[in-house]
Amino acid sequence: MNRTKRIIDLTGTLPRPALVAVVLAGVVALSALAEDAKPAISPRADELMKRMSDYLAQAQFFSVTAEVWQDVDLASGQRVQAGRVIDLQVRRPNRFHAEVHSTRRNRALFYDGKSITLLNRVKNFYGTIPAPGTLDEALDVASEQFGITMPLEDLIVSDPYQNAMQKVTSGIDLGPVTVLGVPCEHLAFSRGMIDWQVWIEDGARPVPRKIVITYKDEEGSPQYTAILSKWDFDTKLPDFLFNFEPPAGAAKIAVEEIKSQSQAHKREGK
């Protein structure tokens, strides 16, 4: 704005041809600045992300399995990859169930439209909080009250496109590639101190087959990788999958206790 004012103030002392040249130069410069301010996202990458997101958002129910690998630092300072498997079932607008399995942890999350329950299957305890409303609202409650991120929540939200693309500064389509033999399109995006990639299946079912997130704001830029398989949009998901029944001998504990444990593993639930 100040640059434009400066050009206008000068025009009183210039002949008309010079005036026109200066004004045009100013318009071009401001246009260039405006272009620089826009996210540098290729139309193809944007189109593919929108197509994938719409496909997930419009699915009334689905199941998927994710093999997740995440960089973690040992007490010795050595970096290793920790793995886990997530089995996820979603039924819109307000049902969610996830089982998270690893050598150290075995947890389950249930959302039945009225409450969220987190079950620790290894130690056999659970906590429950009220969570009426939609999946989006339940995800917020889980974060605020449990202190955890629901597994694969980017696939669950009602608007995956808006959720993924907000604050993105660049995006590009890197071309075709295969993930476990499945033809995909490889996209890469950047958002400040986070880079993320997604491999989207070709054809009539544009689901994500692989996701990689790089946290550049953390020492050594650790990565999170999820390989997604067993996508199922046909098998109906009955109520009992989402209704929590305490296992024999399970102890109910306060939600604050669960939250304090979860804060030591901030991204464990992703």
C-alpha atoms as a PDB file:
ATOM      1  CA  MET A   1       0.000   0.000   0.000  1.00  0.00           C
ATOM      2  CA  ASN A   2       2.800   2.468   0.814  1.00  0.00           C
ATOM      3  CA  ARG A   3       4.514   1.614  -2.469  1.00  0.00           C
ATOM      4  CA  THR A   4       1.348   2.476  -4.402  1.00  0.00           C
ATOM      5  CA  LYS A   5       0.998   5.810  -2.565  1.00  0.00           C
ATOM      6  CA  ARG A   6       4.576   6.734  -3.416  1.00  0.00           C
ATOM      7  CA  ILE A   7       3.889   6.227  -7.154  1.00  0.00           C
ATOM      8  CA  ILE A   8       0.762   8.375  -6.994  1.00  0.00           C
ATOM      9  CA  ASP A   9       2.586  11.203  -5.172  1.00  0.00           C
ATOM     10  CA  LEU A  10       5.249  11.347  -7.878  1.00  0.00           C
ATOM     11  CA  THR A  11       2.823  11.624 -10.788  1.00  0.00           C
ATOM     12  CA  GLY A  12       2.244  15.357 -10.415  1.00  0.00           C
ATOM     13  CA  THR A  13       5.767  16.126 -11.609  1.00  0.00           C
ATOM     14  CA  LEU A  14       5.878  13.716 -14.562  1.00  0.00           C
ATOM     15  CA  PRO A  15       4.774  14.100 -18.202  1.00  0.00           C
ATOM     16  CA  ARG A  16       1.908  11.833 -19.211  1.00  0.00           C
ATOM     17  CA  PRO A  17       3.999   9.120 -20.990  1.00  0.00           C
ATOM     18  CA  ALA A  18       6.310   8.852 -18.010  1.00  0.00           C
ATOM     19  CA  LEU A  19       3.298   8.814 -15.703  1.00  0.00           C
ATOM     20  CA  VAL A  20       1.764   5.891 -17.584  1.00  0.00           C
ATOM     21  CA  ALA A  21       5.048   3.975 -17.504  1.00  0.00           C
ATOM     22  CA  VAL A  22       5.478   4.471 -13.775  1.00  0.00           C
ATOM     23  CA  VAL A  23       1.898   3.465 -12.986  1.00  0.00           C
ATOM     24  CA  LEU A  24       2.147   0.357 -15.169  1.00  0.00           C
ATOM     25  CA  ALA A  25       5.442  -0.585 -13.542  1.00  0.00           C
ATOM     26  CA  GLY A  26       3.822  -0.227 -10.135  1.00  0.00           C
ATOM     27  CA  VAL A  27       0.858  -2.408 -11.124  1.00  0.00           C
ATOM     28  CA  VAL A  28       3.164  -5.098 -12.480  1.00  0.00           C
ATOM     29  CA  ALA A  29       5.280  -5.019  -9.317  1.00  0.00           C
ATOM     30  CA  LEU A  30       2.240  -5.291  -7.057  1.00  0.00           C
ATOM     31  CA  SER A  31       0.835  -8.114  -9.180  1.00  0.00           C
ATOM     32  CA  ALA A  32       4.126  -9.979  -8.850  1.00  0.00           C
ATOM     33  CA  LEU A  33       4.041  -9.548  -5.095  1.00  0.00           C
ATOM     34  CA  ALA A  34       0.486 -10.874  -4.998  1.00  0.00           C
ATOM     35  CA  GLU A  35       1.491 -13.893  -7.068  1.00  0.00           C
ATOM     36  CA  ASP A  36       4.399 -14.586  -4.715  1.00  0.00           C
ATOM     37  CA  ALA A  37       2.004 -14.540  -1.766  1.00  0.00           C
ATOM     38  CA  LYS A  38      -0.185 -17.290  -3.250  1.00  0.00           C
ATOM     39  CA  PRO A  39       0.601 -20.912  -2.348  1.00  0.00           C
ATOM     40  CA  ALA A  40       2.661 -22.497  -5.151  1.00  0.00           C
ATOM     41  CA  ILE A  41       0.447 -25.544  -5.605  1.00  0.00           C
ATOM     42  CA  SER A  42       0.305 -27.217  -8.990  1.00  0.00           C
ATOM     43  CA  PRO A  43      -3.237 -27.576 -10.386  1.00  0.00           C
ATOM     44  CA  ARG A  44      -2.710 -31.321 -10.852  1.00  0.00           C
ATOM     45  CA  ALA A  45      -1.659 -31.861  -7.215  1.00  0.00           C
ATOM     46  CA  ASP A  46      -4.602 -29.793  -6.008  1.00  0.00           C
ATOM     47  CA  GLU A  47      -7.029 -31.704  -8.250  1.00  0.00           C
ATOM     48  CA  LEU A  48      -5.823 -35.093  -7.012  1.00  0.00           C
ATOM     49  CA  MET A  49      -6.008 -34.052  -3.357  1.00  0.00           C
ATOM     50  CA  LYS A  50      -9.540 -32.755  -3.848  1.00  0.00           C
ATOM     51  CA  ARG A  51     -10.598 -35.976  -5.586  1.00  0.00           C
ATOM     52  CA  MET A  52      -9.166 -38.157  -2.829  1.00  0.00           C
ATOM     53  CA  SER A  53     -10.679 -36.023  -0.085  1.00  0.00           C
ATOM     54  CA  ASP A  54     -14.129 -35.997  -1.677  1.00  0.00           C
ATOM     55  CA  TYR A  55     -14.032 -39.772  -2.048  1.00  0.00           C
ATOM     56  CA  LEU A  56     -13.304 -40.242   1.668  1.00  0.00           C
ATOM     57  CA  ALA A  57     -15.762 -37.576   2.802  1.00  0.00           C
ATOM     58  CA  GLN A  58     -18.611 -39.038   0.773  1.00  0.00           C
ATOM     59  CA  ALA A  59     -18.081 -42.602   2.024  1.00  0.00           C
ATOM     60  CA  GLN A  60     -20.772 -43.441   4.581  1.00  0.00           C
ATOM     61  CA  PHE A  61     -18.509 -46.096   6.111  1.00  0.00           C
ATOM     62  CA  PHE A  62     -15.104 -47.679   5.525  1.00  0.00           C
ATOM     63  CA  SER A  63     -12.415 -49.870   7.066  1.00  0.00           C
ATOM     64  CA  VAL A  64      -8.668 -49.667   6.558  1.00  0.00           C
ATOM     65  CA  THR A  65      -5.457 -51.077   8.025  1.00  0.00           C
ATOM     66  CA  ALA A  66      -2.340 -48.941   8.462  1.00  0.00           C
ATOM     67  CA  GLU A  67       1.195 -50.097   9.176  1.00  0.00           C
ATOM     68  CA  VAL A  68       2.830 -47.118  10.856  1.00  0.00           C
ATOM     69  CA  TRP A  69       6.550 -46.456  11.308  1.00  0.00           C
ATOM     70  CA  GLN A  70       7.777 -43.506  13.335  1.00  0.00           C
ATOM     71  CA  ASP A  71      11.248 -42.216  14.249  1.00  0.00           C
ATOM     72  CA  VAL A  72      11.849 -42.187  18.006  1.00  0.00           C
ATOM     73  CA  ASP A  73      14.916 -41.402  20.095  1.00  0.00           C
ATOM     74  CA  LEU A  74      16.182 -43.885  22.681  1.00  0.00           C
ATOM     75  CA  ALA A  75      17.531 -42.750  26.053  1.00  0.00           C
ATOM     76  CA  SER A  76      21.021 -43.339  24.625  1.00  0.00           C
ATOM     77  CA  GLY A  77      20.353 -40.767  21.921  1.00  0.00           C
ATOM     78  CA  GLN A  78      20.168 -43.344  19.139  1.00  0.00           C
ATOM     79  CA  ARG A  79      17.304 -42.911  16.688  1.00  0.00           C
ATOM     80  CA  VAL A  80      15.266 -45.972  15.733  1.00  0.00           C
ATOM     81  CA  GLN A  81      11.955 -46.669  14.041  1.00  0.00           C
ATOM     82  CA  ALA A  82       9.031 -47.849  16.156  1.00  0.00           C
ATOM     83  CA  GLY A  83       6.209 -49.659  14.395  1.00  0.00           C
ATOM     84  CA  ARG A  84       2.559 -50.338  15.066  1.00  0.00           C
ATOM     85  CA  VAL A  85      -0.522 -51.523  13.196  1.00  0.00           C
ATOM     86  CA  ILE A  86      -3.836 -49.659  13.258  1.00  0.00           C
ATOM     87  CA  ASP A  87      -7.140 -51.254  12.291  1.00  0.00           C
ATOM     88  CA  LEU A  88      -9.694 -48.501  11.734  1.00  0.00           C
ATOM     89  CA  GLN A  89     -13.450 -48.508  11.161  1.00  0.00           C
ATOM     90  CA  VAL A  90     -15.475 -45.363  10.504  1.00  0.00           C
ATOM     91  CA  ARG A  91     -19.206 -44.857  10.040  1.00  0.00           C
ATOM     92  CA  ARG A  92     -20.398 -41.340   9.366  1.00  0.00           C
ATOM     93  CA  PRO A  93     -21.586 -39.131  10.923  1.00  0.00           C
ATOM     94  CA  ASN A  94     -20.705 -40.316  14.439  1.00  0.00           C
ATOM     95  CA  ARG A  95     -19.094 -43.750  14.786  1.00  0.00           C
ATOM     96  CA  PHE A  96     -15.412 -44.637  15.132  1.00  0.00           C
ATOM     97  CA  HIS A  97     -13.375 -47.626  16.305  1.00  0.00           C
ATOM     98  CA  ALA A  98      -9.616 -48.178  16.201  1.00  0.00           C
ATOM     99  CA  GLU A  99      -7.350 -50.934  17.470  1.00  0.00           C
ATOM    100  CA  VAL A 100      -3.671 -50.021  17.856  1.00  0.00           C
ATOM    101  CA  HIS A 101      -1.227 -52.927  18.159  1.00  0.00           C
ATOM    102  CA  SER A 102       2.510 -52.859  18.826  1.00  0.00           C
ATOM    103  CA  THR A 103       5.047 -54.865  20.837  1.00  0.00           C
ATOM    104  CA  ARG A 104       4.735 -52.360  23.696  1.00  0.00           C
ATOM    105  CA  ARG A 105       1.163 -51.140  23.480  1.00  0.00           C
ATOM    106  CA  ASN A 106      -2.233 -52.570  22.681  1.00  0.00           C
ATOM    107  CA  ARG A 107      -4.986 -49.978  22.827  1.00  0.00           C
ATOM    108  CA  ALA A 108      -8.488 -49.462  21.519  1.00  0.00           C
ATOM    109  CA  LEU A 109     -10.627 -46.384  20.946  1.00  0.00           C
ATOM    110  CA  PHE A 110     -14.415 -46.466  20.719  1.00  0.00           C
ATOM    111  CA  TYR A 111     -16.776 -43.654  19.760  1.00  0.00           C
ATOM    112  CA  ASP A 112     -20.491 -44.479  19.710  1.00  0.00           C
ATOM    113  CA  GLY A 113     -21.951 -41.024  19.071  1.00  0.00           C
ATOM    114  CA  LYS A 114     -22.360 -40.346  22.779  1.00  0.00           C
ATOM    115  CA  SER A 115     -18.993 -41.015  24.402  1.00  0.00           C
ATOM    116  CA  ILE A 116     -15.347 -41.844  23.696  1.00  0.00           C
ATOM    117  CA  THR A 117     -13.618 -44.683  25.515  1.00  0.00           C
ATOM    118  CA  LEU A 118      -9.892 -45.390  25.536  1.00  0.00           C
ATOM    119  CA  LEU A 119      -8.988 -48.963  26.541  1.00  0.00           C
ATOM    120  CA  ASN A 120      -5.492 -50.114  27.477  1.00  0.00           C
ATOM    121  CA  ARG A 121      -5.683 -53.827  26.695  1.00  0.00           C
ATOM    122  CA  VAL A 122      -2.260 -54.628  28.197  1.00  0.00           C
ATOM    123  CA  LYS A 123      -2.947 -53.101  31.627  1.00  0.00           C
ATOM    124  CA  ASN A 124      -6.709 -53.710  31.360  1.00  0.00           C
ATOM    125  CA  PHE A 125      -7.991 -50.265  32.291  1.00  0.00           C
ATOM    126  CA  TYR A 126     -10.154 -47.744  30.494  1.00  0.00           C
ATOM    127  CA  GLY A 127     -11.479 -44.209  30.688  1.00  0.00           C
ATOM    128  CA  THR A 128     -14.645 -42.721  29.221  1.00  0.00           C
ATOM    129  CA  ILE A 129     -15.698 -39.161  28.480  1.00  0.00           C
ATOM    130  CA  PRO A 130     -18.986 -37.806  27.091  1.00  0.00           C
ATOM    131  CA  ALA A 131     -18.717 -36.791  23.418  1.00  0.00           C
ATOM    132  CA  PRO A 132     -22.073 -36.203  21.735  1.00  0.00           C
ATOM    133  CA  GLY A 133     -22.125 -34.805  18.224  1.00  0.00           C
ATOM    134  CA  THR A 134     -20.177 -35.590  15.084  1.00  0.00           C
ATOM    135  CA  LEU A 135     -16.834 -37.198  14.307  1.00  0.00           C
ATOM    136  CA  ASP A 136     -15.199 -33.777  13.983  1.00  0.00           C
ATOM    137  CA  GLU A 137     -16.410 -32.783  17.441  1.00  0.00           C
ATOM    138  CA  ALA A 138     -15.304 -36.121  18.907  1.00  0.00           C
ATOM    139  CA  LEU A 139     -11.782 -35.637  17.509  1.00  0.00           C
ATOM    140  CA  ASP A 140     -11.576 -32.265  19.268  1.00  0.00           C
ATOM    141  CA  VAL A 141     -12.795 -33.755  22.556  1.00  0.00           C
ATOM    142  CA  ALA A 142     -10.240 -36.582  22.350  1.00  0.00           C
ATOM    143  CA  SER A 143      -7.422 -34.089  21.856  1.00  0.00           C
ATOM    144  CA  GLU A 144      -8.537 -31.677  24.568  1.00  0.00           C
ATOM    145  CA  GLN A 145      -9.590 -34.161  27.251  1.00  0.00           C
ATOM    146  CA  PHE A 146      -7.560 -37.281  26.529  1.00  0.00           C
ATOM    147  CA  GLY A 147      -4.560 -35.324  25.276  1.00  0.00           C
ATOM    148  CA  ILE A 148      -4.183 -37.628  22.280  1.00  0.00           C
ATOM    149  CA  THR A 149      -4.667 -37.501  18.542  1.00  0.00           C
ATOM    150  CA  MET A 150      -7.108 -40.079  17.238  1.00  0.00           C
ATOM    151  CA  PRO A 151      -5.452 -42.640  14.925  1.00  0.00           C
ATOM    152  CA  LEU A 152      -5.458 -41.534  11.253  1.00  0.00           C
ATOM    153  CA  GLU A 153      -7.761 -38.618  12.043  1.00  0.00           C
ATOM    154  CA  ASP A 154      -6.885 -36.882   8.753  1.00  0.00           C
ATOM    155  CA  LEU A 155      -8.896 -39.610   6.987  1.00  0.00           C
ATOM    156  CA  ILE A 156     -11.865 -39.309   9.348  1.00  0.00           C
ATOM    157  CA  VAL A 157     -12.715 -35.594   9.384  1.00  0.00           C
ATOM    158  CA  SER A 158     -15.711 -34.383   7.393  1.00  0.00           C
ATOM    159  CA  ASP A 159     -13.571 -32.206   5.092  1.00  0.00           C
ATOM    160  CA  PRO A 160     -10.203 -33.929   4.550  1.00  0.00           C
ATOM    161  CA  TYR A 161      -9.227 -31.438   1.830  1.00  0.00           C
ATOM    162  CA  GLN A 162      -9.630 -28.348   4.009  1.00  0.00           C
ATOM    163  CA  ASN A 163      -7.964 -30.093   6.935  1.00  0.00           C
ATOM    164  CA  ALA A 164      -4.924 -31.123   4.889  1.00  0.00           C
ATOM    165  CA  MET A 165      -4.478 -28.066   2.697  1.00  0.00           C
ATOM    166  CA  GLN A 166      -4.806 -25.239   5.184  1.00  0.00           C
ATOM    167  CA  LYS A 167      -1.526 -23.319   5.520  1.00  0.00           C
ATOM    168  CA  VAL A 168       0.073 -25.332   2.694  1.00  0.00           C
ATOM    169  CA  THR A 169       2.675 -23.183   0.935  1.00  0.00           C
ATOM    170  CA  SER A 170       3.648 -25.485  -1.935  1.00  0.00           C
ATOM    171  CA  GLY A 171       2.518 -28.668  -3.607  1.00  0.00           C
ATOM    172  CA  ILE A 172       3.639 -30.718  -6.592  1.00  0.00           C
ATOM    173  CA  ASP A 173       2.719 -33.909  -8.422  1.00  0.00           C
ATOM    174  CA  LEU A 174       5.867 -36.038  -8.647  1.00  0.00           C
ATOM    175  CA  GLY A 175       4.309 -38.528 -11.041  1.00  0.00           C
ATOM    176  CA  PRO A 176       3.319 -42.201 -11.108  1.00  0.00           C
ATOM    177  CA  VAL A 177       4.784 -44.807  -8.768  1.00  0.00           C
ATOM    178  CA  THR A 178       3.646 -48.080  -7.182  1.00  0.00           C
ATOM    179  CA  VAL A 179       3.031 -48.786  -3.493  1.00  0.00           C
ATOM    180  CA  LEU A 180       3.046 -52.518  -2.723  1.00  0.00           C
ATOM    181  CA  GLY A 181       2.251 -53.140  -6.387  1.00  0.00           C
ATOM    182  CA  VAL A 182      -0.648 -50.653  -6.510  1.00  0.00           C
ATOM    183  CA  PRO A 183      -0.304 -47.880  -9.162  1.00  0.00           C
ATOM    184  CA  CYS A 184      -0.401 -44.476  -7.450  1.00  0.00           C
ATOM    185  CA  GLU A 185       0.319 -40.800  -8.008  1.00  0.00           C
ATOM    186  CA  HIS A 186       2.972 -39.321  -5.705  1.00  0.00           C
ATOM    187  CA  LEU A 187       2.226 -35.833  -4.311  1.00  0.00           C
ATOM    188  CA  ALA A 188       4.457 -33.694  -2.078  1.00  0.00           C
ATOM    189  CA  PHE A 189       3.408 -30.664  -0.021  1.00  0.00           C
ATOM    190  CA  SER A 190       5.041 -28.243   2.390  1.00  0.00           C
ATOM    191  CA  ARG A 191       3.521 -26.279   5.246  1.00  0.00           C
ATOM    192  CA  GLY A 192       6.046 -24.242   7.184  1.00  0.00           C
ATOM    193  CA  MET A 193       8.108 -26.601   9.288  1.00  0.00           C
ATOM    194  CA  ILE A 194       6.190 -29.686   8.163  1.00  0.00           C
ATOM    195  CA  ASP A 195       6.638 -31.501   4.844  1.00  0.00           C
ATOM    196  CA  TRP A 196       4.205 -34.234   3.906  1.00  0.00           C
ATOM    197  CA  GLN A 197       3.724 -36.647   1.042  1.00  0.00           C
ATOM    198  CA  VAL A 198       0.818 -38.791  -0.067  1.00  0.00           C
ATOM    199  CA  TRP A 199       0.576 -41.594  -2.623  1.00  0.00           C
ATOM    200  CA  ILE A 200      -2.970 -41.755  -4.086  1.00  0.00           C
ATOM    201  CA  GLU A 201      -4.270 -44.867  -5.809  1.00  0.00           C
ATOM    202  CA  ASP A 202      -4.997 -44.500  -9.523  1.00  0.00           C
ATOM    203  CA  GLY A 203      -8.379 -45.336 -10.977  1.00  0.00           C
ATOM    204  CA  ALA A 204     -11.926 -45.201  -9.681  1.00  0.00           C
ATOM    205  CA  ARG A 205     -10.949 -45.505  -6.020  1.00  0.00           C
ATOM    206  CA  PRO A 206      -8.563 -42.617  -5.204  1.00  0.00           C
ATOM    207  CA  VAL A 207      -7.598 -43.648  -1.675  1.00  0.00           C
ATOM    208  CA  PRO A 208      -4.280 -42.839   0.019  1.00  0.00           C
ATOM    209  CA  ARG A 209      -1.877 -45.788  -0.015  1.00  0.00           C
ATOM    210  CA  LYS A 210       1.071 -44.175   1.756  1.00  0.00           C
ATOM    211  CA  ILE A 211       1.587 -41.050   3.864  1.00  0.00           C
ATOM    212  CA  VAL A 212       4.908 -39.590   5.029  1.00  0.00           C
ATOM    213  CA  ILE A 213       5.201 -36.605   7.381  1.00  0.00           C
ATOM    214  CA  THR A 214       8.545 -34.906   8.110  1.00  0.00           C
ATOM    215  CA  TYR A 215       8.760 -32.702  11.215  1.00  0.00           C
ATOM    216  CA  LYS A 216      11.453 -30.177  10.309  1.00  0.00           C
ATOM    217  CA  ASP A 217      10.935 -28.216  13.530  1.00  0.00           C
ATOM    218  CA  GLU A 218      12.294 -31.134  15.588  1.00  0.00           C
ATOM    219  CA  GLU A 219      15.939 -32.108  15.884  1.00  0.00           C
ATOM    220  CA  GLY A 220      16.974 -34.439  13.099  1.00  0.00           C
ATOM    221  CA  SER A 221      13.642 -33.964  11.251  1.00  0.00           C
ATOM    222  CA  PRO A 222      11.967 -37.210  12.381  1.00  0.00           C
ATOM    223  CA  GLN A 223       9.479 -38.886  10.051  1.00  0.00           C
ATOM    224  CA  TYR A 224       6.117 -40.591  10.387  1.00  0.00           C
ATOM    225  CA  THR A 225       5.188 -43.144   7.706  1.00  0.00           C
ATOM    226  CA  ALA A 226       1.878 -44.955   7.232  1.00  0.00           C
ATOM    227  CA  ILE A 227       1.275 -47.695   4.649  1.00  0.00           C
ATOM    228  CA  LEU A 228      -2.475 -48.139   4.106  1.00  0.00           C
ATOM    229  CA  SER A 229      -4.073 -51.362   2.905  1.00  0.00           C
ATOM    230  CA  LYS A 230      -7.255 -53.458   3.101  1.00  0.00           C
ATOM    231  CA  TRP A 231      -9.500 -50.537   2.168  1.00  0.00           C
ATOM    232  CA  ASP A 232     -13.139 -51.705   2.386  1.00  0.00           C
ATOM    233  CA  PHE A 233     -16.093 -49.517   1.412  1.00  0.00           C
ATOM    234  CA  ASP A 234     -18.578 -52.375   0.951  1.00  0.00           C
ATOM    235  CA  THR A 235     -18.826 -54.233   4.268  1.00  0.00           C
ATOM    236  CA  LYS A 236     -21.446 -52.594   6.467  1.00  0.00           C
ATOM    237  CA  LEU A 237     -20.346 -51.741  10.001  1.00  0.00           C
ATOM    238  CA  PRO A 238     -22.909 -52.654  12.691  1.00  0.00           C
ATOM    239  CA  ASP A 239     -23.401 -50.784  15.970  1.00  0.00           C
ATOM    240  CA  PHE A 240     -21.670 -53.384  18.133  1.00  0.00           C
ATOM    241  CA  LEU A 241     -18.290 -52.509  16.580  1.00  0.00           C
ATOM    242  CA  PHE A 242     -18.478 -49.044  18.117  1.00  0.00           C
ATOM    243  CA  ASN A 243     -20.101 -49.891  21.458  1.00  0.00           C
ATOM    244  CA  PHE A 244     -17.639 -50.421  24.293  1.00  0.00           C
ATOM    245  CA  GLU A 245     -18.050 -53.388  26.628  1.00  0.00           C
ATOM    246  CA  PRO A 246     -15.474 -53.555  29.460  1.00  0.00           C
ATOM    247  CA  PRO A 247     -13.350 -56.735  29.373  1.00  0.00           C
ATOM    248  CA  ALA A 248     -13.511 -59.011  32.398  1.00  0.00           C
ATOM    249  CA  GLY A 249     -11.679 -57.461  35.340  1.00  0.00           C
ATOM    250  CA  ALA A 250     -11.054 -54.132  33.593  1.00  0.00           C
ATOM    251  CA  ALA A 251     -10.625 -51.134  35.912  1.00  0.00           C
ATOM    252  CA  LYS A 252     -12.139 -47.752  35.142  1.00  0.00           C
ATOM    253  CA  ILE A 253      -9.787 -44.851  35.842  1.00  0.00           C
ATOM    254  CA  ALA A 254     -10.059 -41.072  35.716  1.00  0.00           C
ATOM    255  CA  VAL A 255      -9.589 -39.419  32.340  1.00  0.00           C
ATOM    256  CA  GLU A 256      -6.947 -37.082  33.795  1.00  0.00           C
ATOM    257  CA  GLU A 257      -4.753 -40.116  34.524  1.00  0.00           C
ATOM    258  CA  ILE A 258      -4.992 -41.203  30.894  1.00  0.00           C
ATOM    259  CA  LYS A 259      -4.217 -37.679  29.716  1.00  0.00           C
ATOM    260  CA  SER A 260      -1.061 -37.470  31.846  1.00  0.00           C
ATOM    261  CA  GLN A 261       0.181 -40.748  30.342  1.00  0.00           C
ATOM    262  CA  SER A 262      -0.638 -39.661  26.796  1.00  0.00           C
ATOM    263  CA  GLN A 263       1.267 -36.390  27.029  1.00  0.00           C
ATOM    264  CA  ALA A 264       4.542 -38.327  27.160  1.00  0.00           C
ATOM    265  CA  HIS A 265       3.703 -39.707  23.692  1.00  0.00           C
ATOM    266  CA  LYS A 266       2.156 -36.728  21.933  1.00  0.00           C
ATOM    267  CA  ARG A 267       1.985 -38.269  18.474  1.00  0.00           C
ATOM    268  CA  GLU A 268       1.569 -41.893  19.495  1.00  0.00           C
ATOM    269  CA  GLY A 269      -2.072 -41.944  18.428  1.00  0.00           C
ATOM    270  CA  LYS A 270      -1.624 -40.533  14.960  1.00  0.00           C
END
